Amino acid sequence: MIIIGISQRKIMIFTEVVTDLQNQLKKDLAQIRFLLKKNPATGYARIVEIGKEVGRKYNIKLIVNFPKEGRIEEFEMYGKRDLSLIVDYDRKRFPIDREIIKQKAKEMLVDVQTEDAYMYENKEGVRVYTKNWKIDILPHSVHIWTEFDQKVTAFCDWLMENAYEMKSGEQSNKLE
């Protein structure tokens, strides 16, 4: 008897979510561009709606942000930077120690600073940053204020699995 092993590539949840978002935004890009030209608020509303639709598939709230003027016209970067993922509004604590998150950030992202953040009313958070960007990590959400290069994507995949206990293909009803 011959047994053939099939190697299954592990797809991480952050990678899966942003790839899905990028594909949906690309698919609707002509409409988005038209709406932005006609009425910027309507165009932005469509981008927000696409983020919500994609997020719903993963039971998260997904927000596409444009924190700096002019970024909304950088169509090729849609879904590749400046995202917020709200996982569970009710969570106030991480399932792992904050120090582990900080240590993993330094290990995976290398030249970064880390600090405790948003530490009030029995809440906790971590900020990972350089002089050019930051990632705000809260028990209920993560806000990524940078472009998703390989290191940032790998770190966010690690975060989703370890700090938010989410894996590819898992479903939850925490936002409903």
N, C-alpha and C. Protein backbone atom coordinates (compact mmCIF):
# COMPACT_ATOMS: atom_id res chain seq x y z
N MET A 1 0.85 -1.17 0.00
CA MET A 1 0.00 0.00 0.00
C MET A 1 0.90 1.24 0.00
N ILE A 2 0.57 2.17 -0.87
CA ILE A 2 1.32 3.42 -0.96
C ILE A 2 0.47 4.53 -0.35
N ILE A 3 1.08 5.25 0.58
CA ILE A 3 0.39 6.38 1.20
C ILE A 3 1.04 7.66 0.69
N ILE A 4 0.23 8.50 0.14
CA ILE A 4 0.74 9.76 -0.40
C ILE A 4 0.34 10.87 0.57
N GLY A 5 1.34 11.56 1.08
CA GLY A 5 1.07 12.67 1.99
C GLY A 5 0.76 13.95 1.21
N ILE A 6 -0.25 14.62 1.62
CA ILE A 6 -0.62 15.89 0.97
C ILE A 6 -0.26 17.02 1.92
N SER A 7 0.59 17.89 1.44
CA SER A 7 0.99 19.03 2.26
C SER A 7 -0.05 20.13 2.11
N GLN A 8 -0.63 20.53 3.21
CA GLN A 8 -1.63 21.59 3.18
C GLN A 8 -1.01 22.86 3.74
N ARG A 9 -1.01 23.89 2.92
CA ARG A 9 -0.43 25.17 3.34
C ARG A 9 -1.34 25.81 4.37
N LYS A 10 -0.76 26.22 5.48
CA LYS A 10 -1.53 26.84 6.55
C LYS A 10 -1.78 28.31 6.19
N ILE A 11 -3.03 28.66 6.06
CA ILE A 11 -3.39 30.04 5.76
C ILE A 11 -3.75 30.71 7.08
N MET A 12 -3.14 31.82 7.36
CA MET A 12 -3.38 32.52 8.60
C MET A 12 -4.55 33.49 8.43
N ILE A 13 -5.26 33.75 9.51
CA ILE A 13 -6.50 34.51 9.45
C ILE A 13 -6.29 35.96 9.00
N PHE A 14 -5.27 36.64 9.48
CA PHE A 14 -5.06 38.02 9.04
C PHE A 14 -4.78 38.05 7.54
N THR A 15 -3.92 37.17 7.08
CA THR A 15 -3.62 37.09 5.65
C THR A 15 -4.89 36.82 4.87
N GLU A 16 -5.71 35.90 5.35
CA GLU A 16 -6.96 35.55 4.68
C GLU A 16 -7.91 36.76 4.61
N VAL A 17 -8.06 37.46 5.71
CA VAL A 17 -8.96 38.61 5.76
C VAL A 17 -8.49 39.72 4.81
N VAL A 18 -7.20 40.09 4.87
CA VAL A 18 -6.74 41.20 4.03
C VAL A 18 -6.71 40.82 2.56
N THR A 19 -6.43 39.57 2.24
CA THR A 19 -6.48 39.13 0.84
C THR A 19 -7.91 39.22 0.32
N ASP A 20 -8.86 38.77 1.11
CA ASP A 20 -10.28 38.86 0.75
C ASP A 20 -10.67 40.33 0.56
N LEU A 21 -10.28 41.19 1.50
CA LEU A 21 -10.59 42.62 1.40
C LEU A 21 -9.98 43.23 0.14
N GLN A 22 -8.72 42.95 -0.11
CA GLN A 22 -8.05 43.49 -1.30
C GLN A 22 -8.76 43.05 -2.57
N ASN A 23 -9.15 41.79 -2.64
CA ASN A 23 -9.86 41.28 -3.83
C ASN A 23 -11.20 41.96 -4.02
N GLN A 24 -11.94 42.16 -2.94
CA GLN A 24 -13.25 42.82 -3.04
C GLN A 24 -13.12 44.28 -3.45
N LEU A 25 -12.14 44.96 -2.86
CA LEU A 25 -11.93 46.37 -3.21
C LEU A 25 -11.48 46.50 -4.67
N LYS A 26 -10.63 45.59 -5.11
CA LYS A 26 -10.16 45.60 -6.50
C LYS A 26 -11.33 45.35 -7.46
N LYS A 27 -12.19 44.39 -7.09
CA LYS A 27 -13.35 44.04 -7.91
C LYS A 27 -14.28 45.24 -8.09
N ASP A 28 -14.43 46.07 -7.05
CA ASP A 28 -15.35 47.22 -7.08
C ASP A 28 -14.62 48.54 -7.35
N LEU A 29 -13.36 48.48 -7.76
CA LEU A 29 -12.56 49.70 -7.89
C LEU A 29 -13.15 50.70 -8.89
N ALA A 30 -13.66 50.23 -10.01
CA ALA A 30 -14.23 51.16 -11.00
C ALA A 30 -15.39 51.94 -10.39
N GLN A 31 -16.26 51.23 -9.67
CA GLN A 31 -17.39 51.90 -9.02
C GLN A 31 -16.90 52.87 -7.94
N ILE A 32 -15.93 52.44 -7.15
CA ILE A 32 -15.39 53.30 -6.09
C ILE A 32 -14.80 54.57 -6.68
N ARG A 33 -14.01 54.43 -7.73
CA ARG A 33 -13.39 55.61 -8.36
C ARG A 33 -14.46 56.57 -8.89
N PHE A 34 -15.49 56.00 -9.52
CA PHE A 34 -16.59 56.82 -10.03
C PHE A 34 -17.27 57.57 -8.88
N LEU A 35 -17.58 56.85 -7.81
CA LEU A 35 -18.25 57.46 -6.67
C LEU A 35 -17.38 58.54 -6.02
N LEU A 36 -16.08 58.27 -5.88
CA LEU A 36 -15.17 59.26 -5.27
C LEU A 36 -15.12 60.54 -6.09
N LYS A 37 -15.15 60.39 -7.41
CA LYS A 37 -15.12 61.56 -8.29
C LYS A 37 -16.43 62.36 -8.19
N LYS A 38 -17.54 61.62 -8.17
CA LYS A 38 -18.87 62.24 -8.13
C LYS A 38 -19.16 62.84 -6.75
N ASN A 39 -18.90 62.06 -5.70
CA ASN A 39 -19.17 62.49 -4.33
C ASN A 39 -18.25 61.72 -3.40
N PRO A 40 -17.16 62.34 -2.93
CA PRO A 40 -16.19 61.63 -2.09
C PRO A 40 -16.80 60.91 -0.88
N ALA A 41 -17.80 61.50 -0.25
CA ALA A 41 -18.42 60.86 0.92
C ALA A 41 -19.10 59.55 0.53
N THR A 42 -19.75 59.53 -0.63
CA THR A 42 -20.41 58.31 -1.10
C THR A 42 -19.38 57.25 -1.45
N GLY A 43 -18.27 57.67 -2.06
CA GLY A 43 -17.20 56.74 -2.39
C GLY A 43 -16.60 56.13 -1.14
N TYR A 44 -16.35 56.97 -0.14
CA TYR A 44 -15.81 56.47 1.12
C TYR A 44 -16.81 55.52 1.79
N ALA A 45 -18.09 55.85 1.73
CA ALA A 45 -19.12 54.99 2.32
C ALA A 45 -19.11 53.61 1.66
N ARG A 46 -18.88 53.56 0.35
CA ARG A 46 -18.82 52.27 -0.34
C ARG A 46 -17.61 51.45 0.13
N ILE A 47 -16.47 52.12 0.32
CA ILE A 47 -15.27 51.43 0.82
C ILE A 47 -15.55 50.86 2.21
N VAL A 48 -16.18 51.66 3.07
CA VAL A 48 -16.53 51.21 4.43
C VAL A 48 -17.47 50.01 4.36
N GLU A 49 -18.44 50.06 3.46
CA GLU A 49 -19.40 48.96 3.32
C GLU A 49 -18.71 47.67 2.87
N ILE A 50 -17.78 47.78 1.94
CA ILE A 50 -17.03 46.59 1.50
C ILE A 50 -16.26 46.01 2.68
N GLY A 51 -15.63 46.86 3.48
CA GLY A 51 -14.92 46.39 4.67
C GLY A 51 -15.86 45.66 5.61
N LYS A 52 -17.05 46.21 5.82
CA LYS A 52 -18.03 45.56 6.70
C LYS A 52 -18.46 44.20 6.14
N GLU A 53 -18.69 44.14 4.83
CA GLU A 53 -19.12 42.89 4.20
C GLU A 53 -18.05 41.81 4.36
N VAL A 54 -16.81 42.16 4.12
CA VAL A 54 -15.71 41.20 4.26
C VAL A 54 -15.57 40.81 5.73
N GLY A 55 -15.58 41.76 6.63
CA GLY A 55 -15.46 41.48 8.05
C GLY A 55 -16.54 40.54 8.56
N ARG A 56 -17.75 40.72 8.07
CA ARG A 56 -18.87 39.88 8.49
C ARG A 56 -18.59 38.40 8.24
N LYS A 57 -17.89 38.08 7.15
CA LYS A 57 -17.56 36.68 6.84
C LYS A 57 -16.70 36.06 7.94
N TYR A 58 -15.91 36.89 8.61
CA TYR A 58 -14.97 36.41 9.63
C TYR A 58 -15.43 36.76 11.04
N ASN A 59 -16.65 37.28 11.15
CA ASN A 59 -17.23 37.69 12.43
C ASN A 59 -16.37 38.71 13.15
N ILE A 60 -15.85 39.66 12.38
CA ILE A 60 -15.13 40.80 12.94
C ILE A 60 -15.68 42.06 12.29
N LYS A 61 -15.40 43.19 12.90
CA LYS A 61 -15.71 44.46 12.26
C LYS A 61 -14.41 44.94 11.63
N LEU A 62 -14.44 45.12 10.33
CA LEU A 62 -13.24 45.49 9.57
C LEU A 62 -13.42 46.91 9.04
N ILE A 63 -12.51 47.79 9.41
CA ILE A 63 -12.62 49.20 9.02
C ILE A 63 -11.40 49.60 8.20
N VAL A 64 -11.66 50.11 7.01
CA VAL A 64 -10.60 50.63 6.15
C VAL A 64 -10.43 52.11 6.51
N ASN A 65 -9.24 52.49 6.94
CA ASN A 65 -8.99 53.86 7.39
C ASN A 65 -8.15 54.62 6.37
N PHE A 66 -8.34 55.92 6.35
CA PHE A 66 -7.54 56.83 5.53
C PHE A 66 -7.10 57.98 6.44
N PRO A 67 -6.04 57.75 7.25
CA PRO A 67 -5.67 58.72 8.28
C PRO A 67 -4.98 59.98 7.77
N LYS A 68 -4.50 59.95 6.54
CA LYS A 68 -3.81 61.12 6.00
C LYS A 68 -4.48 61.57 4.72
N GLU A 69 -4.53 62.86 4.53
CA GLU A 69 -5.13 63.44 3.34
C GLU A 69 -4.46 62.90 2.08
N GLY A 70 -5.28 62.57 1.09
CA GLY A 70 -4.77 62.10 -0.19
C GLY A 70 -4.66 60.58 -0.30
N ARG A 71 -4.70 59.88 0.81
CA ARG A 71 -4.54 58.42 0.76
C ARG A 71 -5.71 57.73 0.07
N ILE A 72 -6.87 58.33 0.10
CA ILE A 72 -8.03 57.69 -0.53
C ILE A 72 -7.86 57.61 -2.05
N GLU A 73 -6.99 58.46 -2.60
CA GLU A 73 -6.72 58.41 -4.04
C GLU A 73 -5.64 57.40 -4.40
N GLU A 74 -4.99 56.80 -3.42
CA GLU A 74 -3.95 55.80 -3.67
C GLU A 74 -4.61 54.42 -3.79
N PHE A 75 -5.29 54.20 -4.91
CA PHE A 75 -6.14 53.03 -5.11
C PHE A 75 -5.39 51.71 -4.98
N GLU A 76 -4.14 51.68 -5.41
CA GLU A 76 -3.37 50.44 -5.38
C GLU A 76 -3.04 49.99 -3.95
N MET A 77 -3.24 50.89 -2.98
CA MET A 77 -2.93 50.55 -1.58
C MET A 77 -4.17 50.16 -0.77
N TYR A 78 -5.33 50.15 -1.39
CA TYR A 78 -6.54 49.78 -0.66
C TYR A 78 -6.39 48.38 -0.05
N GLY A 79 -6.63 48.29 1.24
CA GLY A 79 -6.58 47.00 1.94
C GLY A 79 -5.16 46.53 2.24
N LYS A 80 -4.18 47.39 1.97
CA LYS A 80 -2.78 47.01 2.19
C LYS A 80 -2.13 47.82 3.30
N ARG A 81 -2.91 48.68 3.97
CA ARG A 81 -2.42 49.46 5.10
C ARG A 81 -3.61 50.09 5.82
N ASP A 82 -3.35 50.57 7.02
CA ASP A 82 -4.32 51.36 7.79
C ASP A 82 -5.68 50.68 7.95
N LEU A 83 -5.68 49.56 8.66
CA LEU A 83 -6.91 48.83 8.93
C LEU A 83 -7.14 48.71 10.43
N SER A 84 -8.42 48.63 10.80
CA SER A 84 -8.82 48.30 12.16
C SER A 84 -9.64 47.02 12.10
N LEU A 85 -9.33 46.09 12.98
CA LEU A 85 -10.08 44.85 13.11
C LEU A 85 -10.61 44.78 14.53
N ILE A 86 -11.93 44.87 14.67
CA ILE A 86 -12.55 44.78 15.98
C ILE A 86 -13.06 43.35 16.13
N VAL A 87 -12.51 42.65 17.10
CA VAL A 87 -12.76 41.22 17.26
C VAL A 87 -13.89 40.96 18.24
N ASP A 88 -13.86 41.61 19.39
CA ASP A 88 -14.86 41.36 20.43
C ASP A 88 -14.92 42.58 21.35
N TYR A 89 -15.98 43.39 21.20
CA TYR A 89 -16.11 44.63 21.96
C TYR A 89 -16.01 44.45 23.47
N ASP A 90 -16.37 43.29 23.97
CA ASP A 90 -16.45 43.08 25.42
C ASP A 90 -15.13 42.69 26.08
N ARG A 91 -14.14 42.32 25.30
CA ARG A 91 -12.87 41.88 25.89
C ARG A 91 -12.07 43.04 26.45
N LYS A 92 -11.62 42.89 27.69
CA LYS A 92 -10.82 43.93 28.34
C LYS A 92 -9.41 43.44 28.65
N ARG A 93 -9.18 42.13 28.57
CA ARG A 93 -7.88 41.54 28.89
C ARG A 93 -7.47 40.60 27.75
N PHE A 94 -6.17 40.48 27.55
CA PHE A 94 -5.65 39.52 26.58
C PHE A 94 -5.64 38.12 27.20
N PRO A 95 -5.74 37.08 26.37
CA PRO A 95 -5.64 35.72 26.91
C PRO A 95 -4.19 35.33 27.22
N ILE A 96 -3.24 36.17 26.80
CA ILE A 96 -1.81 35.95 27.09
C ILE A 96 -1.26 37.22 27.72
N ASP A 97 -0.13 37.10 28.36
CA ASP A 97 0.50 38.24 29.01
C ASP A 97 0.95 39.27 27.98
N ARG A 98 0.77 40.55 28.29
CA ARG A 98 1.21 41.64 27.39
C ARG A 98 2.68 41.55 27.05
N GLU A 99 3.48 41.08 28.00
CA GLU A 99 4.93 40.97 27.76
C GLU A 99 5.24 40.01 26.62
N ILE A 100 4.43 38.98 26.47
CA ILE A 100 4.61 38.03 25.36
C ILE A 100 4.36 38.75 24.04
N ILE A 101 3.33 39.59 23.99
CA ILE A 101 3.02 40.35 22.77
C ILE A 101 4.18 41.28 22.44
N LYS A 102 4.69 41.98 23.44
CA LYS A 102 5.81 42.91 23.22
C LYS A 102 7.06 42.16 22.76
N GLN A 103 7.33 41.04 23.40
CA GLN A 103 8.50 40.23 23.04
C GLN A 103 8.38 39.72 21.61
N LYS A 104 7.20 39.23 21.24
CA LYS A 104 6.98 38.71 19.88
C LYS A 104 7.10 39.83 18.85
N ALA A 105 6.62 41.01 19.18
CA ALA A 105 6.74 42.16 18.27
C ALA A 105 8.20 42.47 17.99
N LYS A 106 9.01 42.50 19.03
CA LYS A 106 10.44 42.79 18.86
C LYS A 106 11.14 41.69 18.07
N GLU A 107 10.74 40.46 18.33
CA GLU A 107 11.32 39.32 17.64
C GLU A 107 10.96 39.32 16.14
N MET A 108 9.68 39.57 15.83
CA MET A 108 9.22 39.45 14.46
C MET A 108 9.42 40.73 13.64
N LEU A 109 9.27 41.89 14.28
CA LEU A 109 9.35 43.17 13.56
C LEU A 109 10.72 43.83 13.68
N VAL A 110 11.54 43.33 14.55
CA VAL A 110 12.93 43.71 14.79
C VAL A 110 13.09 45.13 15.35
N ASP A 111 13.25 46.14 14.54
CA ASP A 111 13.57 47.50 15.02
C ASP A 111 12.32 48.28 15.42
N VAL A 112 11.67 47.84 16.50
CA VAL A 112 10.45 48.52 16.96
C VAL A 112 10.56 48.81 18.45
N GLN A 113 9.78 49.78 18.88
CA GLN A 113 9.61 50.08 20.29
C GLN A 113 8.27 49.48 20.71
N THR A 114 8.15 49.12 21.97
CA THR A 114 6.87 48.65 22.50
C THR A 114 6.61 49.34 23.82
N GLU A 115 5.33 49.51 24.12
CA GLU A 115 4.96 50.09 25.42
C GLU A 115 3.54 49.66 25.77
N ASP A 116 3.25 49.68 27.07
CA ASP A 116 1.87 49.48 27.50
C ASP A 116 1.09 50.70 27.07
N ALA A 117 -0.16 50.49 26.69
CA ALA A 117 -0.99 51.59 26.22
C ALA A 117 -2.44 51.37 26.64
N TYR A 118 -3.19 52.45 26.75
CA TYR A 118 -4.62 52.40 27.06
C TYR A 118 -4.89 51.68 28.38
N MET A 119 -4.03 51.87 29.36
CA MET A 119 -4.11 51.16 30.63
C MET A 119 -4.99 51.95 31.61
N TYR A 120 -6.30 51.78 31.52
CA TYR A 120 -7.22 52.44 32.43
C TYR A 120 -8.49 51.59 32.56
N GLU A 121 -9.23 51.81 33.63
CA GLU A 121 -10.49 51.11 33.89
C GLU A 121 -10.35 49.59 33.73
N ASN A 122 -9.27 49.03 34.28
CA ASN A 122 -9.01 47.59 34.21
C ASN A 122 -8.86 47.08 32.77
N LYS A 123 -8.48 47.97 31.87
CA LYS A 123 -8.22 47.59 30.48
C LYS A 123 -6.72 47.53 30.28
N GLU A 124 -6.31 46.91 29.19
CA GLU A 124 -4.90 46.85 28.87
C GLU A 124 -4.71 46.97 27.37
N GLY A 125 -3.50 47.31 26.98
CA GLY A 125 -3.18 47.40 25.57
C GLY A 125 -1.68 47.50 25.38
N VAL A 126 -1.27 47.35 24.13
CA VAL A 126 0.13 47.43 23.76
C VAL A 126 0.24 48.28 22.50
N ARG A 127 1.25 49.13 22.48
CA ARG A 127 1.56 49.89 21.28
C ARG A 127 2.92 49.41 20.79
N VAL A 128 2.99 49.09 19.51
CA VAL A 128 4.23 48.73 18.83
C VAL A 128 4.45 49.83 17.81
N TYR A 129 5.66 50.40 17.78
CA TYR A 129 5.83 51.55 16.89
C TYR A 129 7.29 51.77 16.48
N THR A 130 7.41 52.54 15.40
CA THR A 130 8.69 53.09 14.96
C THR A 130 8.43 54.59 14.82
N LYS A 131 9.38 55.33 14.31
CA LYS A 131 9.13 56.77 14.14
C LYS A 131 8.16 57.02 12.98
N ASN A 132 7.92 56.01 12.12
CA ASN A 132 7.07 56.20 10.95
C ASN A 132 5.69 55.55 11.03
N TRP A 133 5.49 54.61 11.95
CA TRP A 133 4.20 53.90 12.00
C TRP A 133 3.95 53.31 13.38
N LYS A 134 2.72 52.80 13.56
CA LYS A 134 2.38 52.15 14.83
C LYS A 134 1.30 51.10 14.63
N ILE A 135 1.25 50.19 15.58
CA ILE A 135 0.18 49.20 15.67
C ILE A 135 -0.35 49.29 17.10
N ASP A 136 -1.63 49.59 17.25
CA ASP A 136 -2.27 49.63 18.56
C ASP A 136 -3.01 48.32 18.76
N ILE A 137 -2.63 47.61 19.82
CA ILE A 137 -3.17 46.28 20.09
C ILE A 137 -3.95 46.34 21.40
N LEU A 138 -5.24 46.17 21.30
CA LEU A 138 -6.13 46.18 22.45
C LEU A 138 -6.78 44.80 22.55
N PRO A 139 -7.26 44.40 23.72
CA PRO A 139 -7.86 43.08 23.83
C PRO A 139 -9.04 42.86 22.87
N HIS A 140 -9.74 43.92 22.53
CA HIS A 140 -10.90 43.78 21.66
C HIS A 140 -10.63 44.12 20.20
N SER A 141 -9.46 44.71 19.89
CA SER A 141 -9.21 45.15 18.52
C SER A 141 -7.73 45.39 18.27
N VAL A 142 -7.40 45.44 16.98
CA VAL A 142 -6.05 45.81 16.57
C VAL A 142 -6.18 46.86 15.47
N HIS A 143 -5.35 47.90 15.58
CA HIS A 143 -5.37 49.02 14.63
C HIS A 143 -3.97 49.15 14.05
N ILE A 144 -3.86 48.87 12.75
CA ILE A 144 -2.57 48.82 12.09
C ILE A 144 -2.41 50.07 11.24
N TRP A 145 -1.48 50.93 11.63
CA TRP A 145 -1.27 52.21 10.96
C TRP A 145 0.02 52.18 10.17
N THR A 146 0.11 51.21 9.27
CA THR A 146 1.28 51.08 8.40
C THR A 146 0.93 50.16 7.25
N GLU A 147 1.83 50.08 6.30
CA GLU A 147 1.69 49.16 5.18
C GLU A 147 1.99 47.74 5.66
N PHE A 148 1.27 46.76 5.10
CA PHE A 148 1.45 45.37 5.50
C PHE A 148 2.55 44.73 4.68
N ASP A 149 3.79 44.86 5.15
CA ASP A 149 4.87 44.13 4.51
C ASP A 149 4.87 42.71 5.08
N GLN A 150 5.84 41.89 4.69
CA GLN A 150 5.87 40.49 5.16
C GLN A 150 5.96 40.38 6.68
N LYS A 151 6.77 41.22 7.30
CA LYS A 151 6.94 41.15 8.75
C LYS A 151 5.67 41.56 9.48
N VAL A 152 5.06 42.66 9.05
CA VAL A 152 3.82 43.13 9.69
C VAL A 152 2.72 42.10 9.52
N THR A 153 2.60 41.54 8.32
CA THR A 153 1.58 40.52 8.07
C THR A 153 1.81 39.29 8.95
N ALA A 154 3.04 38.82 9.04
CA ALA A 154 3.33 37.65 9.87
C ALA A 154 3.02 37.94 11.34
N PHE A 155 3.37 39.14 11.81
CA PHE A 155 3.08 39.51 13.20
C PHE A 155 1.56 39.57 13.43
N CYS A 156 0.82 40.15 12.49
CA CYS A 156 -0.63 40.24 12.64
C CYS A 156 -1.28 38.85 12.58
N ASP A 157 -0.74 37.96 11.75
CA ASP A 157 -1.23 36.57 11.76
C ASP A 157 -1.00 35.95 13.14
N TRP A 158 0.20 36.17 13.71
CA TRP A 158 0.49 35.65 15.04
C TRP A 158 -0.47 36.24 16.08
N LEU A 159 -0.69 37.57 15.99
CA LEU A 159 -1.61 38.23 16.93
C LEU A 159 -3.01 37.64 16.87
N MET A 160 -3.52 37.47 15.65
CA MET A 160 -4.89 36.98 15.50
C MET A 160 -5.04 35.59 16.13
N GLU A 161 -4.01 34.76 15.99
CA GLU A 161 -4.08 33.42 16.54
C GLU A 161 -3.85 33.39 18.05
N ASN A 162 -2.94 34.21 18.55
CA ASN A 162 -2.53 34.12 19.96
C ASN A 162 -3.19 35.15 20.88
N ALA A 163 -3.32 36.39 20.43
CA ALA A 163 -3.93 37.43 21.28
C ALA A 163 -5.44 37.48 21.11
N TYR A 164 -5.94 36.98 19.97
CA TYR A 164 -7.39 37.01 19.72
C TYR A 164 -7.98 35.62 19.57
N GLU A 165 -7.13 34.60 19.62
CA GLU A 165 -7.55 33.20 19.56
C GLU A 165 -8.42 32.90 18.34
N MET A 166 -8.04 33.46 17.19
CA MET A 166 -8.77 33.23 15.94
C MET A 166 -7.88 32.43 14.99
N LYS A 167 -8.49 31.50 14.29
CA LYS A 167 -7.77 30.72 13.29
C LYS A 167 -8.57 30.73 12.00
N SER A 168 -7.91 30.50 10.92
CA SER A 168 -8.57 30.43 9.62
C SER A 168 -9.68 29.40 9.64
N GLY A 169 -10.85 29.79 9.12
CA GLY A 169 -11.96 28.87 9.03
C GLY A 169 -12.83 28.78 10.28
N GLU A 170 -12.40 29.41 11.37
CA GLU A 170 -13.22 29.39 12.59
C GLU A 170 -14.28 30.47 12.53
N GLN A 171 -15.41 30.19 13.10
CA GLN A 171 -16.50 31.15 13.15
C GLN A 171 -16.86 31.42 14.61
N SER A 172 -17.24 32.65 14.90
CA SER A 172 -17.75 32.97 16.23
C SER A 172 -18.85 33.99 16.08
N ASN A 173 -19.60 34.20 17.12
CA ASN A 173 -20.71 35.17 17.08
C ASN A 173 -20.50 36.28 18.07
N LYS A 174 -19.28 36.65 18.34
CA LYS A 174 -18.97 37.61 19.38
C LYS A 174 -19.46 39.03 19.08
N LEU A 175 -19.58 39.39 17.79
CA LEU A 175 -20.00 40.75 17.46
C LEU A 175 -21.50 40.86 17.29
N GLU A 176 -22.19 39.75 17.30
CA GLU A 176 -23.63 39.81 17.06
C GLU A 176 -24.41 40.06 18.31
